[in-house]
Amino acid sequence: MDNFITLLEQYKYVVLLPLAIIEGPILTVVAGFLVTLGLLNSFLVYVIIVAGDVIGDSIAYAFGRWGSSLLHSHGSYIGITTEKIVRAKEYFAARHNKAIVMSKLVYGIGTVGLVTAGSLKIPYLRYLRSCFAVSLLQALVFLVIGLSFGHAYVQIGKYLDNFAAIASVVALTVGLVFVLYKLKPKRT
């Protein structure tokens, strides 16, 4: 965490974009803290964070889109069958916004969901609109947290990790219950 602060204090906006591509929420809170110290401009931070987040999402999409042949040819080794890919494609086609929003907000499934969207060849502009909308809101929320509570960035990092872990467990539990319900034999 201190490395983020040192890099941002020294190199400011030059290092902000590459870091935003890799790590968004904590970086945004830290950048908000540095705004309160007068070291960064809040508008520039917001624009750069959103751009970095969307670039990261686009990289995940591209990996899925053009690396999906590996998934189709070797996915069975890790339990990804053609049937599962077809079902996932149907889900993404019917509910792409919900799937992408969940991928971006639930820690632990983020990149996997975004790569899946690319591998299923969800139209890029549709994908980008969803990612951009979530990124705008998400960056704003974390920037406001940083502006408001920046001095407590270490504590916020712990709470975000706990919240992300709880959200992931809840999402996985709901998903497991849903899958078990769908796999349960129907009685006649």
N, C-alpha and C. Protein backbone atom coordinates (compact mmCIF):
# COMPACT_ATOMS: atom_id res chain seq x y z
N MET A 1 0.83 -1.18 0.00
CA MET A 1 0.00 0.00 0.00
C MET A 1 0.87 1.25 0.00
N ASP A 2 1.90 1.24 0.81
CA ASP A 2 2.78 2.40 0.86
C ASP A 2 3.50 2.60 -0.47
N ASN A 3 3.72 1.49 -1.20
CA ASN A 3 4.34 1.62 -2.52
C ASN A 3 3.46 2.42 -3.47
N PHE A 4 2.14 2.20 -3.40
CA PHE A 4 1.19 2.98 -4.22
C PHE A 4 1.36 4.47 -3.93
N ILE A 5 1.39 4.80 -2.66
CA ILE A 5 1.46 6.21 -2.26
C ILE A 5 2.78 6.82 -2.72
N THR A 6 3.88 6.11 -2.52
CA THR A 6 5.18 6.62 -2.93
C THR A 6 5.22 6.84 -4.44
N LEU A 7 4.75 5.86 -5.20
CA LEU A 7 4.73 6.01 -6.67
C LEU A 7 3.87 7.18 -7.10
N LEU A 8 2.70 7.31 -6.51
CA LEU A 8 1.80 8.40 -6.89
C LEU A 8 2.33 9.77 -6.48
N GLU A 9 2.98 9.85 -5.32
CA GLU A 9 3.56 11.12 -4.90
C GLU A 9 4.68 11.54 -5.84
N GLN A 10 5.47 10.58 -6.25
CA GLN A 10 6.65 10.90 -7.06
C GLN A 10 6.31 11.11 -8.53
N TYR A 11 5.52 10.21 -9.13
CA TYR A 11 5.30 10.26 -10.58
C TYR A 11 3.91 10.75 -10.98
N LYS A 12 3.04 10.88 -10.01
CA LYS A 12 1.67 11.39 -10.20
C LYS A 12 0.93 10.70 -11.33
N TYR A 13 0.49 11.46 -12.31
CA TYR A 13 -0.42 10.96 -13.35
C TYR A 13 0.24 9.96 -14.30
N VAL A 14 1.57 10.03 -14.44
CA VAL A 14 2.28 9.13 -15.35
C VAL A 14 2.11 7.68 -14.92
N VAL A 15 2.12 7.45 -13.64
CA VAL A 15 2.01 6.08 -13.13
C VAL A 15 0.56 5.71 -12.79
N LEU A 16 -0.31 6.70 -12.72
CA LEU A 16 -1.69 6.44 -12.32
C LEU A 16 -2.42 5.53 -13.31
N LEU A 17 -2.27 5.78 -14.61
CA LEU A 17 -2.98 4.96 -15.61
C LEU A 17 -2.55 3.49 -15.58
N PRO A 18 -1.24 3.18 -15.65
CA PRO A 18 -0.88 1.75 -15.60
C PRO A 18 -1.33 1.07 -14.31
N LEU A 19 -1.25 1.78 -13.20
CA LEU A 19 -1.72 1.19 -11.94
C LEU A 19 -3.23 0.99 -11.95
N ALA A 20 -3.96 1.91 -12.58
CA ALA A 20 -5.42 1.80 -12.65
C ALA A 20 -5.84 0.61 -13.50
N ILE A 21 -5.05 0.26 -14.49
CA ILE A 21 -5.35 -0.92 -15.31
C ILE A 21 -5.25 -2.18 -14.46
N ILE A 22 -4.30 -2.20 -13.55
CA ILE A 22 -4.04 -3.38 -12.73
C ILE A 22 -4.93 -3.42 -11.49
N GLU A 23 -5.00 -2.33 -10.75
CA GLU A 23 -5.72 -2.29 -9.47
C GLU A 23 -6.53 -1.01 -9.38
N GLY A 24 -7.84 -1.15 -9.29
CA GLY A 24 -8.70 0.03 -9.32
C GLY A 24 -9.16 0.57 -7.98
N PRO A 25 -9.94 -0.20 -7.20
CA PRO A 25 -10.58 0.36 -6.00
C PRO A 25 -9.62 0.95 -4.96
N ILE A 26 -8.63 0.19 -4.55
CA ILE A 26 -7.71 0.69 -3.53
C ILE A 26 -6.93 1.89 -4.06
N LEU A 27 -6.48 1.80 -5.31
CA LEU A 27 -5.75 2.91 -5.92
C LEU A 27 -6.61 4.17 -5.95
N THR A 28 -7.88 4.03 -6.25
CA THR A 28 -8.78 5.18 -6.31
C THR A 28 -8.93 5.82 -4.94
N VAL A 29 -9.05 5.01 -3.90
CA VAL A 29 -9.14 5.53 -2.53
C VAL A 29 -7.86 6.28 -2.17
N VAL A 30 -6.71 5.68 -2.48
CA VAL A 30 -5.42 6.32 -2.19
C VAL A 30 -5.27 7.62 -2.97
N ALA A 31 -5.65 7.60 -4.25
CA ALA A 31 -5.57 8.81 -5.07
C ALA A 31 -6.49 9.90 -4.50
N GLY A 32 -7.66 9.51 -4.01
CA GLY A 32 -8.55 10.47 -3.37
C GLY A 32 -7.91 11.10 -2.14
N PHE A 33 -7.20 10.29 -1.38
CA PHE A 33 -6.46 10.80 -0.22
C PHE A 33 -5.41 11.81 -0.66
N LEU A 34 -4.69 11.51 -1.74
CA LEU A 34 -3.66 12.43 -2.24
C LEU A 34 -4.28 13.71 -2.79
N VAL A 35 -5.51 13.62 -3.27
CA VAL A 35 -6.23 14.84 -3.70
C VAL A 35 -6.45 15.74 -2.49
N THR A 36 -6.83 15.14 -1.34
CA THR A 36 -7.07 15.96 -0.14
C THR A 36 -5.79 16.64 0.34
N LEU A 37 -4.64 16.07 0.01
CA LEU A 37 -3.36 16.69 0.38
C LEU A 37 -2.91 17.73 -0.65
N GLY A 38 -3.66 17.85 -1.74
CA GLY A 38 -3.31 18.82 -2.77
C GLY A 38 -2.27 18.32 -3.76
N LEU A 39 -1.98 17.03 -3.74
CA LEU A 39 -0.96 16.48 -4.64
C LEU A 39 -1.51 16.09 -6.01
N LEU A 40 -2.81 15.82 -6.10
CA LEU A 40 -3.43 15.41 -7.36
C LEU A 40 -4.72 16.20 -7.57
N ASN A 41 -5.15 16.26 -8.83
CA ASN A 41 -6.39 16.93 -9.20
C ASN A 41 -7.51 15.88 -9.27
N SER A 42 -8.63 16.12 -8.59
CA SER A 42 -9.68 15.11 -8.51
C SER A 42 -10.29 14.78 -9.87
N PHE A 43 -10.47 15.77 -10.74
CA PHE A 43 -11.05 15.51 -12.05
C PHE A 43 -10.12 14.63 -12.89
N LEU A 44 -8.82 14.98 -12.90
CA LEU A 44 -7.86 14.17 -13.67
C LEU A 44 -7.77 12.75 -13.12
N VAL A 45 -7.78 12.63 -11.80
CA VAL A 45 -7.74 11.30 -11.18
C VAL A 45 -8.94 10.48 -11.63
N TYR A 46 -10.13 11.08 -11.59
CA TYR A 46 -11.35 10.37 -11.97
C TYR A 46 -11.29 9.90 -13.42
N VAL A 47 -10.91 10.79 -14.32
CA VAL A 47 -10.84 10.45 -15.75
C VAL A 47 -9.82 9.35 -15.99
N ILE A 48 -8.66 9.45 -15.36
CA ILE A 48 -7.59 8.45 -15.56
C ILE A 48 -8.00 7.10 -14.97
N ILE A 49 -8.62 7.10 -13.80
CA ILE A 49 -9.05 5.84 -13.17
C ILE A 49 -10.09 5.14 -14.05
N VAL A 50 -11.07 5.89 -14.53
CA VAL A 50 -12.10 5.30 -15.39
C VAL A 50 -11.46 4.75 -16.67
N ALA A 51 -10.56 5.53 -17.27
CA ALA A 51 -9.88 5.08 -18.49
C ALA A 51 -9.08 3.80 -18.22
N GLY A 52 -8.35 3.76 -17.12
CA GLY A 52 -7.57 2.57 -16.78
C GLY A 52 -8.45 1.36 -16.55
N ASP A 53 -9.56 1.55 -15.89
CA ASP A 53 -10.49 0.45 -15.63
C ASP A 53 -11.06 -0.10 -16.93
N VAL A 54 -11.45 0.80 -17.83
CA VAL A 54 -12.02 0.37 -19.11
C VAL A 54 -10.95 -0.30 -19.98
N ILE A 55 -9.72 0.20 -19.94
CA ILE A 55 -8.63 -0.45 -20.68
C ILE A 55 -8.40 -1.86 -20.14
N GLY A 56 -8.38 -2.01 -18.82
CA GLY A 56 -8.23 -3.34 -18.22
C GLY A 56 -9.35 -4.28 -18.61
N ASP A 57 -10.58 -3.77 -18.62
CA ASP A 57 -11.73 -4.57 -19.04
C ASP A 57 -11.60 -4.97 -20.51
N SER A 58 -11.08 -4.07 -21.33
CA SER A 58 -10.91 -4.36 -22.76
C SER A 58 -9.83 -5.41 -22.98
N ILE A 59 -8.79 -5.37 -22.17
CA ILE A 59 -7.73 -6.39 -22.26
C ILE A 59 -8.31 -7.76 -21.91
N ALA A 60 -9.11 -7.83 -20.85
CA ALA A 60 -9.74 -9.10 -20.46
C ALA A 60 -10.65 -9.60 -21.58
N TYR A 61 -11.42 -8.70 -22.17
CA TYR A 61 -12.32 -9.05 -23.27
C TYR A 61 -11.51 -9.59 -24.46
N ALA A 62 -10.44 -8.90 -24.82
CA ALA A 62 -9.61 -9.31 -25.96
C ALA A 62 -9.00 -10.68 -25.71
N PHE A 63 -8.54 -10.92 -24.49
CA PHE A 63 -7.99 -12.23 -24.16
C PHE A 63 -9.03 -13.32 -24.36
N GLY A 64 -10.24 -13.06 -23.91
CA GLY A 64 -11.31 -14.04 -24.09
C GLY A 64 -11.70 -14.21 -25.55
N ARG A 65 -11.77 -13.12 -26.26
CA ARG A 65 -12.22 -13.17 -27.65
C ARG A 65 -11.23 -13.90 -28.55
N TRP A 66 -9.96 -13.56 -28.42
CA TRP A 66 -8.98 -14.15 -29.34
C TRP A 66 -8.20 -15.31 -28.73
N GLY A 67 -8.41 -15.58 -27.46
CA GLY A 67 -7.77 -16.74 -26.85
C GLY A 67 -8.77 -17.84 -26.54
N SER A 68 -10.00 -17.67 -27.02
CA SER A 68 -11.05 -18.64 -26.68
C SER A 68 -10.83 -20.00 -27.32
N SER A 69 -10.03 -20.07 -28.38
CA SER A 69 -9.77 -21.38 -28.99
C SER A 69 -9.10 -22.31 -27.98
N LEU A 70 -8.25 -21.75 -27.12
CA LEU A 70 -7.64 -22.56 -26.06
C LEU A 70 -8.70 -23.06 -25.09
N LEU A 71 -9.65 -22.20 -24.77
CA LEU A 71 -10.72 -22.58 -23.87
C LEU A 71 -11.57 -23.70 -24.46
N HIS A 72 -11.90 -23.58 -25.72
CA HIS A 72 -12.73 -24.60 -26.37
C HIS A 72 -11.97 -25.92 -26.54
N SER A 73 -10.68 -25.85 -26.87
CA SER A 73 -9.94 -27.09 -27.12
C SER A 73 -9.45 -27.77 -25.85
N HIS A 74 -9.14 -27.00 -24.82
CA HIS A 74 -8.58 -27.59 -23.60
C HIS A 74 -9.44 -27.37 -22.36
N GLY A 75 -10.59 -26.74 -22.52
CA GLY A 75 -11.45 -26.43 -21.38
C GLY A 75 -11.98 -27.66 -20.67
N SER A 76 -12.13 -28.76 -21.39
CA SER A 76 -12.67 -29.98 -20.76
C SER A 76 -11.77 -30.49 -19.64
N TYR A 77 -10.48 -30.15 -19.69
CA TYR A 77 -9.56 -30.58 -18.64
C TYR A 77 -9.85 -29.89 -17.31
N ILE A 78 -10.51 -28.75 -17.37
CA ILE A 78 -10.84 -28.03 -16.13
C ILE A 78 -12.35 -27.92 -15.93
N GLY A 79 -13.11 -28.78 -16.61
CA GLY A 79 -14.55 -28.85 -16.40
C GLY A 79 -15.38 -27.93 -17.26
N ILE A 80 -14.78 -27.29 -18.25
CA ILE A 80 -15.53 -26.40 -19.14
C ILE A 80 -15.84 -27.16 -20.42
N THR A 81 -17.08 -27.62 -20.52
CA THR A 81 -17.49 -28.40 -21.68
C THR A 81 -18.18 -27.50 -22.70
N THR A 82 -18.37 -28.03 -23.89
CA THR A 82 -19.06 -27.28 -24.94
C THR A 82 -20.48 -26.94 -24.49
N GLU A 83 -21.14 -27.87 -23.80
CA GLU A 83 -22.49 -27.62 -23.32
C GLU A 83 -22.52 -26.44 -22.35
N LYS A 84 -21.55 -26.38 -21.45
CA LYS A 84 -21.49 -25.28 -20.49
C LYS A 84 -21.22 -23.96 -21.20
N ILE A 85 -20.39 -23.99 -22.20
CA ILE A 85 -20.11 -22.77 -22.97
C ILE A 85 -21.37 -22.29 -23.67
N VAL A 86 -22.15 -23.23 -24.23
CA VAL A 86 -23.40 -22.85 -24.90
C VAL A 86 -24.38 -22.24 -23.90
N ARG A 87 -24.51 -22.85 -22.71
CA ARG A 87 -25.41 -22.31 -21.68
C ARG A 87 -24.96 -20.93 -21.22
N ALA A 88 -23.66 -20.77 -21.03
CA ALA A 88 -23.13 -19.47 -20.61
C ALA A 88 -23.38 -18.42 -21.69
N LYS A 89 -23.23 -18.83 -22.94
CA LYS A 89 -23.47 -17.89 -24.04
C LYS A 89 -24.93 -17.44 -24.05
N GLU A 90 -25.84 -18.37 -23.82
CA GLU A 90 -27.26 -18.02 -23.76
C GLU A 90 -27.54 -17.06 -22.61
N TYR A 91 -26.91 -17.31 -21.45
CA TYR A 91 -27.11 -16.43 -20.30
C TYR A 91 -26.58 -15.03 -20.60
N PHE A 92 -25.37 -14.95 -21.16
CA PHE A 92 -24.79 -13.66 -21.49
C PHE A 92 -25.61 -12.94 -22.55
N ALA A 93 -26.12 -13.68 -23.52
CA ALA A 93 -26.91 -13.05 -24.58
C ALA A 93 -28.20 -12.47 -24.02
N ALA A 94 -28.83 -13.19 -23.10
CA ALA A 94 -30.11 -12.73 -22.54
C ALA A 94 -29.91 -11.68 -21.45
N ARG A 95 -28.83 -11.77 -20.71
CA ARG A 95 -28.62 -10.90 -19.55
C ARG A 95 -27.20 -10.36 -19.51
N HIS A 96 -26.71 -9.86 -20.63
CA HIS A 96 -25.30 -9.46 -20.66
C HIS A 96 -25.00 -8.34 -19.67
N ASN A 97 -25.91 -7.39 -19.51
CA ASN A 97 -25.64 -6.30 -18.57
C ASN A 97 -25.49 -6.83 -17.15
N LYS A 98 -26.40 -7.69 -16.73
CA LYS A 98 -26.34 -8.25 -15.38
C LYS A 98 -25.06 -9.06 -15.19
N ALA A 99 -24.71 -9.87 -16.19
CA ALA A 99 -23.51 -10.70 -16.09
C ALA A 99 -22.25 -9.84 -16.00
N ILE A 100 -22.18 -8.80 -16.79
CA ILE A 100 -21.00 -7.94 -16.78
C ILE A 100 -20.92 -7.14 -15.49
N VAL A 101 -22.05 -6.61 -15.04
CA VAL A 101 -22.06 -5.85 -13.78
C VAL A 101 -21.61 -6.74 -12.63
N MET A 102 -22.12 -7.95 -12.56
CA MET A 102 -21.70 -8.87 -11.50
C MET A 102 -20.22 -9.19 -11.62
N SER A 103 -19.74 -9.35 -12.85
CA SER A 103 -18.32 -9.65 -13.05
C SER A 103 -17.45 -8.50 -12.55
N LYS A 104 -17.90 -7.28 -12.73
CA LYS A 104 -17.10 -6.14 -12.31
C LYS A 104 -17.19 -5.85 -10.81
N LEU A 105 -18.30 -6.21 -10.20
CA LEU A 105 -18.51 -5.84 -8.80
C LEU A 105 -18.17 -6.94 -7.80
N VAL A 106 -18.25 -8.19 -8.19
CA VAL A 106 -18.00 -9.28 -7.24
C VAL A 106 -16.55 -9.73 -7.35
N TYR A 107 -15.84 -9.49 -6.28
CA TYR A 107 -14.42 -9.82 -6.22
C TYR A 107 -14.23 -11.33 -6.40
N GLY A 108 -13.28 -11.70 -7.22
CA GLY A 108 -12.98 -13.11 -7.42
C GLY A 108 -13.53 -13.68 -8.71
N ILE A 109 -14.60 -13.08 -9.26
CA ILE A 109 -15.11 -13.55 -10.54
C ILE A 109 -14.92 -12.51 -11.63
N GLY A 110 -14.41 -11.34 -11.25
CA GLY A 110 -14.30 -10.22 -12.17
C GLY A 110 -13.65 -10.55 -13.50
N THR A 111 -12.39 -10.87 -13.48
CA THR A 111 -11.66 -11.10 -14.72
C THR A 111 -12.22 -12.30 -15.46
N VAL A 112 -12.59 -13.34 -14.72
CA VAL A 112 -13.14 -14.54 -15.36
C VAL A 112 -14.41 -14.19 -16.13
N GLY A 113 -15.30 -13.43 -15.53
CA GLY A 113 -16.53 -13.03 -16.20
C GLY A 113 -16.27 -12.17 -17.42
N LEU A 114 -15.30 -11.27 -17.32
CA LEU A 114 -14.99 -10.38 -18.44
C LEU A 114 -14.33 -11.16 -19.58
N VAL A 115 -13.46 -12.10 -19.23
CA VAL A 115 -12.85 -12.97 -20.25
C VAL A 115 -13.93 -13.82 -20.91
N THR A 116 -14.87 -14.32 -20.10
CA THR A 116 -15.97 -15.12 -20.64
C THR A 116 -16.78 -14.31 -21.64
N ALA A 117 -17.06 -13.06 -21.33
CA ALA A 117 -17.81 -12.21 -22.26
C ALA A 117 -17.08 -12.12 -23.60
N GLY A 118 -15.77 -11.99 -23.56
CA GLY A 118 -15.00 -11.94 -24.80
C GLY A 118 -15.01 -13.26 -25.53
N SER A 119 -14.88 -14.36 -24.78
CA SER A 119 -14.85 -15.68 -25.43
C SER A 119 -16.19 -16.02 -26.07
N LEU A 120 -17.26 -15.45 -25.52
CA LEU A 120 -18.58 -15.69 -26.09
C LEU A 120 -18.92 -14.69 -27.18
N LYS A 121 -17.97 -13.83 -27.48
CA LYS A 121 -18.10 -12.84 -28.56
C LYS A 121 -19.32 -11.94 -28.38
N ILE A 122 -19.55 -11.53 -27.13
CA ILE A 122 -20.57 -10.51 -26.88
C ILE A 122 -20.13 -9.29 -27.69
N PRO A 123 -21.02 -8.62 -28.40
CA PRO A 123 -20.59 -7.46 -29.19
C PRO A 123 -19.82 -6.45 -28.31
N TYR A 124 -18.65 -6.06 -28.80
CA TYR A 124 -17.74 -5.24 -28.01
C TYR A 124 -18.37 -3.93 -27.56
N LEU A 125 -19.10 -3.25 -28.42
CA LEU A 125 -19.69 -1.97 -28.02
C LEU A 125 -20.72 -2.15 -26.91
N ARG A 126 -21.50 -3.23 -26.96
CA ARG A 126 -22.44 -3.53 -25.88
C ARG A 126 -21.68 -3.78 -24.58
N TYR A 127 -20.64 -4.57 -24.68
CA TYR A 127 -19.78 -4.89 -23.53
C TYR A 127 -19.15 -3.61 -22.97
N LEU A 128 -18.63 -2.80 -23.86
CA LEU A 128 -17.94 -1.58 -23.45
C LEU A 128 -18.90 -0.61 -22.75
N ARG A 129 -20.11 -0.48 -23.27
CA ARG A 129 -21.10 0.41 -22.63
C ARG A 129 -21.38 -0.03 -21.20
N SER A 130 -21.56 -1.33 -21.01
CA SER A 130 -21.83 -1.84 -19.66
C SER A 130 -20.64 -1.60 -18.73
N CYS A 131 -19.45 -1.92 -19.21
CA CYS A 131 -18.25 -1.73 -18.40
C CYS A 131 -18.03 -0.26 -18.07
N PHE A 132 -18.23 0.60 -19.06
CA PHE A 132 -18.03 2.04 -18.87
C PHE A 132 -18.99 2.59 -17.82
N ALA A 133 -20.25 2.18 -17.90
CA ALA A 133 -21.25 2.67 -16.93
C ALA A 133 -20.88 2.24 -15.51
N VAL A 134 -20.49 0.98 -15.34
CA VAL A 134 -20.10 0.50 -14.01
C VAL A 134 -18.83 1.21 -13.55
N SER A 135 -17.87 1.39 -14.45
CA SER A 135 -16.61 2.05 -14.09
C SER A 135 -16.84 3.49 -13.64
N LEU A 136 -17.73 4.20 -14.33
CA LEU A 136 -18.04 5.59 -13.94
C LEU A 136 -18.54 5.65 -12.50
N LEU A 137 -19.49 4.79 -12.18
CA LEU A 137 -20.07 4.79 -10.85
C LEU A 137 -19.09 4.27 -9.80
N GLN A 138 -18.42 3.18 -10.12
CA GLN A 138 -17.49 2.57 -9.18
C GLN A 138 -16.34 3.52 -8.84
N ALA A 139 -15.76 4.16 -9.85
CA ALA A 139 -14.65 5.09 -9.62
C ALA A 139 -15.12 6.28 -8.79
N LEU A 140 -16.31 6.77 -9.06
CA LEU A 140 -16.85 7.90 -8.30
C LEU A 140 -17.01 7.53 -6.82
N VAL A 141 -17.58 6.36 -6.57
CA VAL A 141 -17.79 5.93 -5.18
C VAL A 141 -16.46 5.81 -4.44
N PHE A 142 -15.48 5.15 -5.05
CA PHE A 142 -14.19 4.97 -4.38
C PHE A 142 -13.41 6.27 -4.26
N LEU A 143 -13.56 7.17 -5.21
CA LEU A 143 -12.90 8.47 -5.11
C LEU A 143 -13.50 9.28 -3.97
N VAL A 144 -14.82 9.25 -3.84
CA VAL A 144 -15.48 9.96 -2.72
C VAL A 144 -15.04 9.36 -1.39
N ILE A 145 -14.91 8.04 -1.33
CA ILE A 145 -14.41 7.41 -0.11
C ILE A 145 -13.01 7.92 0.20
N GLY A 146 -12.16 7.97 -0.82
CA GLY A 146 -10.80 8.47 -0.62
C GLY A 146 -10.76 9.92 -0.20
N LEU A 147 -11.62 10.73 -0.81
CA LEU A 147 -11.68 12.15 -0.44
C LEU A 147 -12.19 12.33 0.99
N SER A 148 -13.14 11.50 1.37
CA SER A 148 -13.76 11.64 2.69
C SER A 148 -12.95 10.99 3.81
N PHE A 149 -12.41 9.83 3.53
CA PHE A 149 -11.77 9.05 4.58
C PHE A 149 -10.35 8.63 4.21
N GLY A 150 -9.70 9.39 3.37
CA GLY A 150 -8.39 9.02 2.85
C GLY A 150 -7.35 8.71 3.90
N HIS A 151 -7.41 9.40 5.02
CA HIS A 151 -6.40 9.17 6.06
C HIS A 151 -6.50 7.77 6.65
N ALA A 152 -7.62 7.14 6.48
CA ALA A 152 -7.82 5.80 7.03
C ALA A 152 -7.69 4.75 5.93
N TYR A 153 -6.84 5.00 4.91
CA TYR A 153 -6.77 4.10 3.76
C TYR A 153 -6.39 2.67 4.12
N VAL A 154 -5.60 2.48 5.14
CA VAL A 154 -5.22 1.11 5.52
C VAL A 154 -6.44 0.36 6.03
N GLN A 155 -7.22 1.00 6.89
CA GLN A 155 -8.44 0.37 7.40
C GLN A 155 -9.43 0.10 6.28
N ILE A 156 -9.59 1.05 5.37
CA ILE A 156 -10.53 0.88 4.25
C ILE A 156 -10.11 -0.32 3.41
N GLY A 157 -8.81 -0.49 3.19
CA GLY A 157 -8.33 -1.63 2.43
C GLY A 157 -8.73 -2.95 3.07
N LYS A 158 -8.64 -3.02 4.39
CA LYS A 158 -9.05 -4.23 5.10
C LYS A 158 -10.56 -4.46 4.96
N TYR A 159 -11.35 -3.38 5.11
CA TYR A 159 -12.80 -3.51 4.99
C TYR A 159 -13.20 -3.90 3.57
N LEU A 160 -12.53 -3.33 2.56
CA LEU A 160 -12.85 -3.69 1.18
C LEU A 160 -12.53 -5.16 0.92
N ASP A 161 -11.42 -5.64 1.48
CA ASP A 161 -11.09 -7.05 1.33
C ASP A 161 -12.15 -7.92 1.98
N ASN A 162 -12.58 -7.54 3.19
CA ASN A 162 -13.62 -8.30 3.88
C ASN A 162 -14.94 -8.25 3.12
N PHE A 163 -15.34 -7.07 2.66
CA PHE A 163 -16.58 -6.93 1.90
C PHE A 163 -16.52 -7.75 0.62
N ALA A 164 -15.38 -7.67 -0.08
CA ALA A 164 -15.23 -8.42 -1.32
C ALA A 164 -15.31 -9.92 -1.06
N ALA A 165 -14.70 -10.37 0.01
CA ALA A 165 -14.74 -11.80 0.34
C ALA A 165 -16.17 -12.24 0.66
N ILE A 166 -16.88 -11.44 1.44
CA ILE A 166 -18.27 -11.78 1.79
C ILE A 166 -19.14 -11.78 0.54
N ALA A 167 -18.99 -10.76 -0.31
CA ALA A 167 -19.79 -10.68 -1.54
C ALA A 167 -19.50 -11.87 -2.44
N SER A 168 -18.25 -12.30 -2.50
CA SER A 168 -17.89 -13.45 -3.32
C SER A 168 -18.52 -14.73 -2.79
N VAL A 169 -18.47 -14.91 -1.48
CA VAL A 169 -19.06 -16.11 -0.87
C VAL A 169 -20.56 -16.14 -1.12
N VAL A 170 -21.23 -15.00 -0.95
CA VAL A 170 -22.67 -14.93 -1.19
C VAL A 170 -22.98 -15.25 -2.65
N ALA A 171 -22.24 -14.64 -3.58
CA ALA A 171 -22.48 -14.87 -5.00
C ALA A 171 -22.24 -16.34 -5.37
N LEU A 172 -21.17 -16.93 -4.85
CA LEU A 172 -20.88 -18.33 -5.15
C LEU A 172 -21.95 -19.25 -4.55
N THR A 173 -22.42 -18.94 -3.35
CA THR A 173 -23.47 -19.74 -2.72
C THR A 173 -24.76 -19.68 -3.54
N VAL A 174 -25.15 -18.48 -3.94
CA VAL A 174 -26.35 -18.32 -4.76
C VAL A 174 -26.18 -19.08 -6.08
N GLY A 175 -25.01 -18.97 -6.68
CA GLY A 175 -24.75 -19.69 -7.93
C GLY A 175 -24.81 -21.20 -7.75
N LEU A 176 -24.24 -21.70 -6.65
CA LEU A 176 -24.26 -23.13 -6.37
C LEU A 176 -25.69 -23.63 -6.15
N VAL A 177 -26.47 -22.89 -5.38
CA VAL A 177 -27.87 -23.26 -5.16
C VAL A 177 -28.62 -23.29 -6.48
N PHE A 178 -28.39 -22.30 -7.32
CA PHE A 178 -29.05 -22.24 -8.63
C PHE A 178 -28.67 -23.44 -9.49
N VAL A 179 -27.39 -23.78 -9.54
CA VAL A 179 -26.93 -24.92 -10.33
C VAL A 179 -27.51 -26.22 -9.79
N LEU A 180 -27.49 -26.39 -8.47
CA LEU A 180 -28.05 -27.60 -7.89
C LEU A 180 -29.54 -27.71 -8.17
N TYR A 181 -30.25 -26.60 -8.12
CA TYR A 181 -31.67 -26.58 -8.43
C TYR A 181 -31.91 -27.00 -9.88
N LYS A 182 -31.09 -26.51 -10.79
CA LYS A 182 -31.24 -26.83 -12.21
C LYS A 182 -30.87 -28.29 -12.50
N LEU A 183 -29.92 -28.84 -11.75
CA LEU A 183 -29.49 -30.22 -11.97
C LEU A 183 -30.38 -31.24 -11.28
N LYS A 184 -31.19 -30.81 -10.34
CA LYS A 184 -32.07 -31.70 -9.60
C LYS A 184 -33.06 -32.35 -10.56
N PRO A 185 -33.18 -33.69 -10.51
CA PRO A 185 -34.13 -34.36 -11.42
C PRO A 185 -35.56 -33.94 -11.11
N LYS A 186 -36.32 -33.76 -12.15
CA LYS A 186 -37.72 -33.33 -12.00
C LYS A 186 -38.58 -34.55 -11.72
N ARG A 187 -39.52 -34.40 -10.79
CA ARG A 187 -40.45 -35.48 -10.46
C ARG A 187 -41.70 -35.32 -11.30
N THR A 188 -42.22 -36.44 -11.70
CA THR A 188 -43.46 -36.41 -12.49
C THR A 188 -44.60 -37.07 -11.77
